[in-house]
Amino acid sequence: MVRKIIRYFHITSKYKGYPLIIDAINIYIDKYGECIKITKDIYPILSKKYNMPISLIERNIRTIVEACWDNDKQAVKTILGYKTAKCPSNSEFIDAIAYRIVKDYDISLLSLGTETDKQIEDCES
């Protein structure tokens, strides 16, 4: 599910942050309902797993979030659930995707629209 959403934005493994954001969202989902601080609860886990400094983890995830924003601002706004004129922070983006997955559990219920849902399904094929 996480990969399907990320790949909708044309984000692939060519980005160093690709596995990082997928893992970050999955960790967030696993801890959903708890008070989660991305810098204290998620980045250190990823840092240890990938043997990278936290600063690189943060930067690589930010690159993914910015690429998603650049590729389809309207879809990002829909996932966020509110209007915004600027790119969301890493934690806003991760929280929004995790929320959608936890609450909806079905990509077709993401309210992105029929055409967008079809594009997401095509990306997975």
Foldseek 3Di string as FASTA:
>chain_A
DLCLVLCLLVDDVVQVQVVLLVQQLVQCLVVPPDPDDCLPHRLVVVCVVVVHDSVVNQVSLQVSQVSSCVSDVPLQCLLLVHDDPDGDHSVSSSVSVSCCCVVVVDLVPSPSDDVSSVSSVVSVD
